[in-house]
Amino acid sequence: MYEVEILPRVYKALKRLPKQDVARIVEHMRRLAQTPRPPGCKKIHGREDVYRIRVGAYRILYRIRDAEHRVTVLNIGHRKEIYRHL
């Protein structure tokens, strides 16, 4: 089982999203502890150990550290804007 670490900017991003979307996103983040590479996850090209998963129109960007059994959620955002902040 992996430990899920959430960066402070993720909490700020969650506050700006609609509540029904926040519930779905939080559930997907919890599942990362059991399955850090769920079906449908994609590795981000040019970034080491960074993956993304889709949650409706939103994306969760996260880093997997297998040696430490840690998943760090880096950012959450709308699909049109999330990749600008990499």
PDB file of N, CA and C in Angstrom:
ATOM      1  N   MET A   1       0.835  -1.179   0.000  1.00  0.00           N
ATOM      2  CA  MET A   1       0.000   0.000   0.000  1.00  0.00           C
ATOM      3  C   MET A   1       0.884   1.248   0.000  1.00  0.00           C
ATOM      4  N   TYR A   2       0.483   2.238  -0.773  1.00  0.00           N
ATOM      5  CA  TYR A   2       1.249   3.469  -0.921  1.00  0.00           C
ATOM      6  C   TYR A   2       0.671   4.558  -0.025  1.00  0.00           C
ATOM      7  N   GLU A   3       1.535   5.469   0.392  1.00  0.00           N
ATOM      8  CA  GLU A   3       1.094   6.652   1.130  1.00  0.00           C
ATOM      9  C   GLU A   3       0.804   7.742   0.102  1.00  0.00           C
ATOM     10  N   VAL A   4      -0.328   8.406   0.222  1.00  0.00           N
ATOM     11  CA  VAL A   4      -0.697   9.474  -0.704  1.00  0.00           C
ATOM     12  C   VAL A   4      -0.430  10.810  -0.031  1.00  0.00           C
ATOM     13  N   GLU A   5       0.458  11.598  -0.637  1.00  0.00           N
ATOM     14  CA  GLU A   5       0.792  12.932  -0.148  1.00  0.00           C
ATOM     15  C   GLU A   5       0.151  13.942  -1.098  1.00  0.00           C
ATOM     16  N   ILE A   6      -0.487  14.945  -0.552  1.00  0.00           N
ATOM     17  CA  ILE A   6      -1.171  15.954  -1.361  1.00  0.00           C
ATOM     18  C   ILE A   6      -0.509  17.306  -1.096  1.00  0.00           C
ATOM     19  N   LEU A   7      -0.052  17.956  -2.161  1.00  0.00           N
ATOM     20  CA  LEU A   7       0.604  19.254  -2.011  1.00  0.00           C
ATOM     21  C   LEU A   7      -0.418  20.349  -1.703  1.00  0.00           C
ATOM     22  N   PRO A   8       0.005  21.415  -1.020  1.00  0.00           N
ATOM     23  CA  PRO A   8      -0.918  22.494  -0.648  1.00  0.00           C
ATOM     24  C   PRO A   8      -1.655  23.121  -1.836  1.00  0.00           C
ATOM     25  N   ARG A   9      -1.009  23.228  -2.988  1.00  0.00           N
ATOM     26  CA  ARG A   9      -1.678  23.836  -4.142  1.00  0.00           C
ATOM     27  C   ARG A   9      -2.856  22.993  -4.625  1.00  0.00           C
ATOM     28  N   VAL A  10      -2.835  21.699  -4.331  1.00  0.00           N
ATOM     29  CA  VAL A  10      -3.947  20.826  -4.706  1.00  0.00           C
ATOM     30  C   VAL A  10      -5.176  21.178  -3.869  1.00  0.00           C
ATOM     31  N   TYR A  11      -4.976  21.433  -2.579  1.00  0.00           N
ATOM     32  CA  TYR A  11      -6.098  21.828  -1.728  1.00  0.00           C
ATOM     33  C   TYR A  11      -6.713  23.139  -2.216  1.00  0.00           C
ATOM     34  N   LYS A  12      -5.872  24.086  -2.628  1.00  0.00           N
ATOM     35  CA  LYS A  12      -6.374  25.356  -3.149  1.00  0.00           C
ATOM     36  C   LYS A  12      -7.183  25.134  -4.425  1.00  0.00           C
ATOM     37  N   ALA A  13      -6.688  24.256  -5.291  1.00  0.00           N
ATOM     38  CA  ALA A  13      -7.395  23.971  -6.539  1.00  0.00           C
ATOM     39  C   ALA A  13      -8.739  23.307  -6.265  1.00  0.00           C
ATOM     40  N   LEU A  14      -8.795  22.416  -5.285  1.00  0.00           N
ATOM     41  CA  LEU A  14     -10.041  21.740  -4.951  1.00  0.00           C
ATOM     42  C   LEU A  14     -11.111  22.718  -4.465  1.00  0.00           C
ATOM     43  N   LYS A  15     -10.709  23.758  -3.752  1.00  0.00           N
ATOM     44  CA  LYS A  15     -11.662  24.741  -3.239  1.00  0.00           C
ATOM     45  C   LYS A  15     -12.370  25.487  -4.366  1.00  0.00           C
ATOM     46  N   ARG A  16     -11.727  25.595  -5.527  1.00  0.00           N
ATOM     47  CA  ARG A  16     -12.289  26.344  -6.650  1.00  0.00           C
ATOM     48  C   ARG A  16     -13.195  25.506  -7.547  1.00  0.00           C
ATOM     49  N   LEU A  17     -13.261  24.200  -7.303  1.00  0.00           N
ATOM     50  CA  LEU A  17     -14.035  23.313  -8.171  1.00  0.00           C
ATOM     51  C   LEU A  17     -15.443  23.088  -7.630  1.00  0.00           C
ATOM     52  N   PRO A  18     -16.391  22.712  -8.521  1.00  0.00           N
ATOM     53  CA  PRO A  18     -17.745  22.368  -8.054  1.00  0.00           C
ATOM     54  C   PRO A  18     -17.707  21.171  -7.102  1.00  0.00           C
ATOM     55  N   LYS A  19     -18.576  21.187  -6.100  1.00  0.00           N
ATOM     56  CA  LYS A  19     -18.560  20.166  -5.039  1.00  0.00           C
ATOM     57  C   LYS A  19     -18.746  18.742  -5.565  1.00  0.00           C
ATOM     58  N   GLN A  20     -19.607  18.556  -6.570  1.00  0.00           N
ATOM     59  CA  GLN A  20     -19.814  17.202  -7.082  1.00  0.00           C
ATOM     60  C   GLN A  20     -18.545  16.668  -7.758  1.00  0.00           C
ATOM     61  N   ASP A  21     -17.767  17.546  -8.376  1.00  0.00           N
ATOM     62  CA  ASP A  21     -16.508  17.123  -8.991  1.00  0.00           C
ATOM     63  C   ASP A  21     -15.448  16.839  -7.926  1.00  0.00           C
ATOM     64  N   VAL A  22     -15.442  17.621  -6.859  1.00  0.00           N
ATOM     65  CA  VAL A  22     -14.467  17.437  -5.772  1.00  0.00           C
ATOM     66  C   VAL A  22     -14.613  16.047  -5.168  1.00  0.00           C
ATOM     67  N   ALA A  23     -15.839  15.604  -4.948  1.00  0.00           N
ATOM     68  CA  ALA A  23     -16.063  14.281  -4.350  1.00  0.00           C
ATOM     69  C   ALA A  23     -15.482  13.180  -5.228  1.00  0.00           C
ATOM     70  N   ARG A  24     -15.684  13.276  -6.529  1.00  0.00           N
ATOM     71  CA  ARG A  24     -15.140  12.259  -7.449  1.00  0.00           C
ATOM     72  C   ARG A  24     -13.615  12.299  -7.483  1.00  0.00           C
ATOM     73  N   ILE A  25     -13.050  13.494  -7.491  1.00  0.00           N
ATOM     74  CA  ILE A  25     -11.594  13.638  -7.541  1.00  0.00           C
ATOM     75  C   ILE A  25     -10.955  13.086  -6.273  1.00  0.00           C
ATOM     76  N   VAL A  26     -11.522  13.399  -5.123  1.00  0.00           N
ATOM     77  CA  VAL A  26     -10.981  12.907  -3.845  1.00  0.00           C
ATOM     78  C   VAL A  26     -11.031  11.381  -3.806  1.00  0.00           C
ATOM     79  N   GLU A  27     -12.107  10.804  -4.297  1.00  0.00           N
ATOM     80  CA  GLU A  27     -12.214   9.339  -4.330  1.00  0.00           C
ATOM     81  C   GLU A  27     -11.113   8.731  -5.205  1.00  0.00           C
ATOM     82  N   HIS A  28     -10.830   9.340  -6.339  1.00  0.00           N
ATOM     83  CA  HIS A  28      -9.754   8.836  -7.202  1.00  0.00           C
ATOM     84  C   HIS A  28      -8.393   8.977  -6.529  1.00  0.00           C
ATOM     85  N   MET A  29      -8.184  10.050  -5.779  1.00  0.00           N
ATOM     86  CA  MET A  29      -6.916  10.223  -5.070  1.00  0.00           C
ATOM     87  C   MET A  29      -6.765   9.150  -3.983  1.00  0.00           C
ATOM     88  N   ARG A  30      -7.851   8.817  -3.297  1.00  0.00           N
ATOM     89  CA  ARG A  30      -7.789   7.754  -2.282  1.00  0.00           C
ATOM     90  C   ARG A  30      -7.420   6.414  -2.904  1.00  0.00           C
ATOM     91  N   ARG A  31      -7.956   6.131  -4.071  1.00  0.00           N
ATOM     92  CA  ARG A  31      -7.684   4.861  -4.742  1.00  0.00           C
ATOM     93  C   ARG A  31      -6.222   4.715  -5.155  1.00  0.00           C
ATOM     94  N   LEU A  32      -5.517   5.830  -5.301  1.00  0.00           N
ATOM     95  CA  LEU A  32      -4.102   5.761  -5.680  1.00  0.00           C
ATOM     96  C   LEU A  32      -3.273   5.035  -4.626  1.00  0.00           C
ATOM     97  N   ALA A  33      -3.721   5.014  -3.378  1.00  0.00           N
ATOM     98  CA  ALA A  33      -2.993   4.306  -2.324  1.00  0.00           C
ATOM     99  C   ALA A  33      -2.974   2.810  -2.598  1.00  0.00           C
ATOM    100  N   GLN A  34      -4.055   2.283  -3.138  1.00  0.00           N
ATOM    101  CA  GLN A  34      -4.137   0.856  -3.454  1.00  0.00           C
ATOM    102  C   GLN A  34      -3.538   0.533  -4.817  1.00  0.00           C
ATOM    103  N   THR A  35      -3.845   1.373  -5.806  1.00  0.00           N
ATOM    104  CA  THR A  35      -3.421   1.131  -7.183  1.00  0.00           C
ATOM    105  C   THR A  35      -2.838   2.418  -7.754  1.00  0.00           C
ATOM    106  N   PRO A  36      -1.535   2.626  -7.641  1.00  0.00           N
ATOM    107  CA  PRO A  36      -0.954   3.875  -8.134  1.00  0.00           C
ATOM    108  C   PRO A  36      -0.959   4.000  -9.663  1.00  0.00           C
ATOM    109  N   ARG A  37      -1.112   2.895 -10.347  1.00  0.00           N
ATOM    110  CA  ARG A  37      -1.189   2.925 -11.818  1.00  0.00           C
ATOM    111  C   ARG A  37      -2.502   2.276 -12.255  1.00  0.00           C
ATOM    112  N   PRO A  38      -3.623   2.965 -12.039  1.00  0.00           N
ATOM    113  CA  PRO A  38      -4.924   2.377 -12.393  1.00  0.00           C
ATOM    114  C   PRO A  38      -5.091   2.286 -13.904  1.00  0.00           C
ATOM    115  N   PRO A  39      -6.030   1.483 -14.372  1.00  0.00           N
ATOM    116  CA  PRO A  39      -6.308   1.432 -15.802  1.00  0.00           C
ATOM    117  C   PRO A  39      -6.658   2.827 -16.313  1.00  0.00           C
ATOM    118  N   GLY A  40      -6.077   3.195 -17.429  1.00  0.00           N
ATOM    119  CA  GLY A  40      -6.349   4.509 -18.009  1.00  0.00           C
ATOM    120  C   GLY A  40      -5.356   5.577 -17.620  1.00  0.00           C
ATOM    121  N   CYS A  41      -4.436   5.285 -16.690  1.00  0.00           N
ATOM    122  CA  CYS A  41      -3.443   6.303 -16.345  1.00  0.00           C
ATOM    123  C   CYS A  41      -2.429   6.412 -17.482  1.00  0.00           C
ATOM    124  N   LYS A  42      -1.878   7.586 -17.645  1.00  0.00           N
ATOM    125  CA  LYS A  42      -0.895   7.830 -18.709  1.00  0.00           C
ATOM    126  C   LYS A  42       0.333   8.473 -18.094  1.00  0.00           C
ATOM    127  N   LYS A  43       1.491   8.064 -18.595  1.00  0.00           N
ATOM    128  CA  LYS A  43       2.741   8.689 -18.167  1.00  0.00           C
ATOM    129  C   LYS A  43       2.898   9.990 -18.944  1.00  0.00           C
ATOM    130  N   ILE A  44       3.335  11.035 -18.267  1.00  0.00           N
ATOM    131  CA  ILE A  44       3.555  12.327 -18.905  1.00  0.00           C
ATOM    132  C   ILE A  44       4.922  12.295 -19.581  1.00  0.00           C
ATOM    133  N   HIS A  45       4.948  12.559 -20.880  1.00  0.00           N
ATOM    134  CA  HIS A  45       6.201  12.541 -21.641  1.00  0.00           C
ATOM    135  C   HIS A  45       7.126  13.655 -21.168  1.00  0.00           C
ATOM    136  N   GLY A  46       8.398  13.328 -21.041  1.00  0.00           N
ATOM    137  CA  GLY A  46       9.398  14.302 -20.648  1.00  0.00           C
ATOM    138  C   GLY A  46       9.480  14.545 -19.150  1.00  0.00           C
ATOM    139  N   ARG A  47       8.661  13.874 -18.372  1.00  0.00           N
ATOM    140  CA  ARG A  47       8.681  14.026 -16.913  1.00  0.00           C
ATOM    141  C   ARG A  47       8.888  12.658 -16.289  1.00  0.00           C
ATOM    142  N   GLU A  48       9.872  12.548 -15.448  1.00  0.00           N
ATOM    143  CA  GLU A  48      10.180  11.262 -14.833  1.00  0.00           C
ATOM    144  C   GLU A  48       9.189  10.948 -13.713  1.00  0.00           C
ATOM    145  N   ASP A  49       8.598   9.790 -13.765  1.00  0.00           N
ATOM    146  CA  ASP A  49       7.693   9.284 -12.725  1.00  0.00           C
ATOM    147  C   ASP A  49       6.411  10.100 -12.547  1.00  0.00           C
ATOM    148  N   VAL A  50       6.012  10.907 -13.531  1.00  0.00           N
ATOM    149  CA  VAL A  50       4.791  11.706 -13.417  1.00  0.00           C
ATOM    150  C   VAL A  50       3.715  11.088 -14.302  1.00  0.00           C
ATOM    151  N   TYR A  51       2.538  10.896 -13.707  1.00  0.00           N
ATOM    152  CA  TYR A  51       1.412  10.277 -14.394  1.00  0.00           C
ATOM    153  C   TYR A  51       0.195  11.177 -14.282  1.00  0.00           C
ATOM    154  N   ARG A  52      -0.826  10.870 -15.090  1.00  0.00           N
ATOM    155  CA  ARG A  52      -2.085  11.578 -14.989  1.00  0.00           C
ATOM    156  C   ARG A  52      -3.235  10.603 -15.110  1.00  0.00           C
ATOM    157  N   ILE A  53      -4.328  10.930 -14.420  1.00  0.00           N
ATOM    158  CA  ILE A  53      -5.561  10.171 -14.592  1.00  0.00           C
ATOM    159  C   ILE A  53      -6.680  11.167 -14.882  1.00  0.00           C
ATOM    160  N   ARG A  54      -7.656  10.694 -15.634  1.00  0.00           N
ATOM    161  CA  ARG A  54      -8.821  11.498 -15.998  1.00  0.00           C
ATOM    162  C   ARG A  54      -9.926  11.306 -14.975  1.00  0.00           C
ATOM    163  N   VAL A  55     -10.560  12.408 -14.630  1.00  0.00           N
ATOM    164  CA  VAL A  55     -11.762  12.374 -13.795  1.00  0.00           C
ATOM    165  C   VAL A  55     -12.715  13.368 -14.455  1.00  0.00           C
ATOM    166  N   GLY A  56     -13.499  12.889 -15.397  1.00  0.00           N
ATOM    167  CA  GLY A  56     -14.373  13.775 -16.163  1.00  0.00           C
ATOM    168  C   GLY A  56     -13.539  14.744 -16.972  1.00  0.00           C
ATOM    169  N   ALA A  57     -13.816  16.036 -16.827  1.00  0.00           N
ATOM    170  CA  ALA A  57     -13.071  17.067 -17.558  1.00  0.00           C
ATOM    171  C   ALA A  57     -11.806  17.489 -16.820  1.00  0.00           C
ATOM    172  N   TYR A  58     -11.514  16.866 -15.691  1.00  0.00           N
ATOM    173  CA  TYR A  58     -10.364  17.236 -14.870  1.00  0.00           C
ATOM    174  C   TYR A  58      -9.271  16.181 -14.948  1.00  0.00           C
ATOM    175  N   ARG A  59      -8.061  16.601 -14.623  1.00  0.00           N
ATOM    176  CA  ARG A  59      -6.918  15.706 -14.606  1.00  0.00           C
ATOM    177  C   ARG A  59      -6.225  15.808 -13.253  1.00  0.00           C
ATOM    178  N   ILE A  60      -5.741  14.663 -12.790  1.00  0.00           N
ATOM    179  CA  ILE A  60      -4.929  14.602 -11.575  1.00  0.00           C
ATOM    180  C   ILE A  60      -3.521  14.242 -12.011  1.00  0.00           C
ATOM    181  N   LEU A  61      -2.571  15.104 -11.712  1.00  0.00           N
ATOM    182  CA  LEU A  61      -1.163  14.835 -12.014  1.00  0.00           C
ATOM    183  C   LEU A  61      -0.485  14.395 -10.729  1.00  0.00           C
ATOM    184  N   TYR A  62       0.264  13.307 -10.814  1.00  0.00           N
ATOM    185  CA  TYR A  62       0.897  12.779  -9.605  1.00  0.00           C
ATOM    186  C   TYR A  62       2.205  12.080  -9.938  1.00  0.00           C
ATOM    187  N   ARG A  63       3.068  11.988  -8.918  1.00  0.00           N
ATOM    188  CA  ARG A  63       4.377  11.337  -9.043  1.00  0.00           C
ATOM    189  C   ARG A  63       4.360  10.080  -8.194  1.00  0.00           C
ATOM    190  N   ILE A  64       4.921   9.006  -8.743  1.00  0.00           N
ATOM    191  CA  ILE A  64       5.009   7.740  -8.022  1.00  0.00           C
ATOM    192  C   ILE A  64       6.462   7.498  -7.640  1.00  0.00           C
ATOM    193  N   ARG A  65       6.682   7.238  -6.358  1.00  0.00           N
ATOM    194  CA  ARG A  65       8.006   6.857  -5.854  1.00  0.00           C
ATOM    195  C   ARG A  65       7.881   5.431  -5.335  1.00  0.00           C
ATOM    196  N   ASP A  66       8.182   4.462  -6.208  1.00  0.00           N
ATOM    197  CA  ASP A  66       8.019   3.053  -5.840  1.00  0.00           C
ATOM    198  C   ASP A  66       8.911   2.635  -4.683  1.00  0.00           C
ATOM    199  N   ALA A  67      10.144   3.130  -4.651  1.00  0.00           N
ATOM    200  CA  ALA A  67      11.073   2.735  -3.592  1.00  0.00           C
ATOM    201  C   ALA A  67      10.570   3.167  -2.215  1.00  0.00           C
ATOM    202  N   GLU A  68       9.871   4.303  -2.155  1.00  0.00           N
ATOM    203  CA  GLU A  68       9.360   4.835  -0.890  1.00  0.00           C
ATOM    204  C   GLU A  68       7.894   4.469  -0.652  1.00  0.00           C
ATOM    205  N   HIS A  69       7.268   3.817  -1.617  1.00  0.00           N
ATOM    206  CA  HIS A  69       5.829   3.521  -1.558  1.00  0.00           C
ATOM    207  C   HIS A  69       5.035   4.794  -1.294  1.00  0.00           C
ATOM    208  N   ARG A  70       5.300   5.816  -2.120  1.00  0.00           N
ATOM    209  CA  ARG A  70       4.664   7.120  -1.948  1.00  0.00           C
ATOM    210  C   ARG A  70       4.136   7.633  -3.284  1.00  0.00           C
ATOM    211  N   VAL A  71       2.927   8.179  -3.244  1.00  0.00           N
ATOM    212  CA  VAL A  71       2.324   8.870  -4.381  1.00  0.00           C
ATOM    213  C   VAL A  71       2.129  10.312  -3.952  1.00  0.00           C
ATOM    214  N   THR A  72       2.660  11.253  -4.732  1.00  0.00           N
ATOM    215  CA  THR A  72       2.516  12.670  -4.428  1.00  0.00           C
ATOM    216  C   THR A  72       1.613  13.303  -5.480  1.00  0.00           C
ATOM    217  N   VAL A  73       0.470  13.813  -5.057  1.00  0.00           N
ATOM    218  CA  VAL A  73      -0.439  14.491  -5.977  1.00  0.00           C
ATOM    219  C   VAL A  73       0.120  15.887  -6.195  1.00  0.00           C
ATOM    220  N   LEU A  74       0.505  16.187  -7.442  1.00  0.00           N
ATOM    221  CA  LEU A  74       1.179  17.433  -7.773  1.00  0.00           C
ATOM    222  C   LEU A  74       0.219  18.563  -8.108  1.00  0.00           C
ATOM    223  N   ASN A  75      -0.839  18.237  -8.858  1.00  0.00           N
ATOM    224  CA  ASN A  75      -1.758  19.279  -9.292  1.00  0.00           C
ATOM    225  C   ASN A  75      -3.055  18.667  -9.785  1.00  0.00           C
ATOM    226  N   ILE A  76      -4.103  19.475  -9.763  1.00  0.00           N
ATOM    227  CA  ILE A  76      -5.416  19.094 -10.274  1.00  0.00           C
ATOM    228  C   ILE A  76      -5.929  20.279 -11.057  1.00  0.00           C
ATOM    229  N   GLY A  77      -6.536  20.001 -12.200  1.00  0.00           N
ATOM    230  CA  GLY A  77      -7.100  21.103 -12.961  1.00  0.00           C
ATOM    231  C   GLY A  77      -7.907  20.630 -14.146  1.00  0.00           C
ATOM    232  N   HIS A  78      -8.534  21.593 -14.791  1.00  0.00           N
ATOM    233  CA  HIS A  78      -9.323  21.305 -15.992  1.00  0.00           C
ATOM    234  C   HIS A  78      -8.384  20.863 -17.106  1.00  0.00           C
ATOM    235  N   ARG A  79      -8.861  19.988 -17.940  1.00  0.00           N
ATOM    236  CA  ARG A  79      -8.019  19.401 -18.988  1.00  0.00           C
ATOM    237  C   ARG A  79      -7.418  20.436 -19.920  1.00  0.00           C
ATOM    238  N   LYS A  80      -8.073  21.578 -20.105  1.00  0.00           N
ATOM    239  CA  LYS A  80      -7.557  22.617 -21.004  1.00  0.00           C
ATOM    240  C   LYS A  80      -6.421  23.415 -20.380  1.00  0.00           C
ATOM    241  N   GLU A  81      -6.345  23.424 -19.051  1.00  0.00           N
ATOM    242  CA  GLU A  81      -5.383  24.290 -18.375  1.00  0.00           C
ATOM    243  C   GLU A  81      -4.284  23.569 -17.624  1.00  0.00           C
ATOM    244  N   ILE A  82      -4.466  22.320 -17.283  1.00  0.00           N
ATOM    245  CA  ILE A  82      -3.553  21.630 -16.371  1.00  0.00           C
ATOM    246  C   ILE A  82      -2.139  21.490 -16.921  1.00  0.00           C
ATOM    247  N   TYR A  83      -2.001  21.300 -18.214  1.00  0.00           N
ATOM    248  CA  TYR A  83      -0.679  21.044 -18.777  1.00  0.00           C
ATOM    249  C   TYR A  83       0.143  22.320 -18.936  1.00  0.00           C
ATOM    250  N   ARG A  84      -0.457  23.477 -18.786  1.00  0.00           N
ATOM    251  CA  ARG A  84       0.271  24.742 -18.858  1.00  0.00           C
ATOM    252  C   ARG A  84       1.168  24.940 -17.646  1.00  0.00           C
ATOM    253  N   HIS A  85       0.836  24.285 -16.546  1.00  0.00           N
ATOM    254  CA  HIS A  85       1.547  24.496 -15.282  1.00  0.00           C
ATOM    255  C   HIS A  85       2.626  23.440 -15.029  1.00  0.00           C
ATOM    256  N   LEU A  86       3.008  22.698 -16.031  1.00  0.00           N
ATOM    257  CA  LEU A  86       4.049  21.682 -15.826  1.00  0.00           C
ATOM    258  C   LEU A  86       5.404  22.269 -15.836  1.00  0.00           C
TER     259      LEU A  86
END
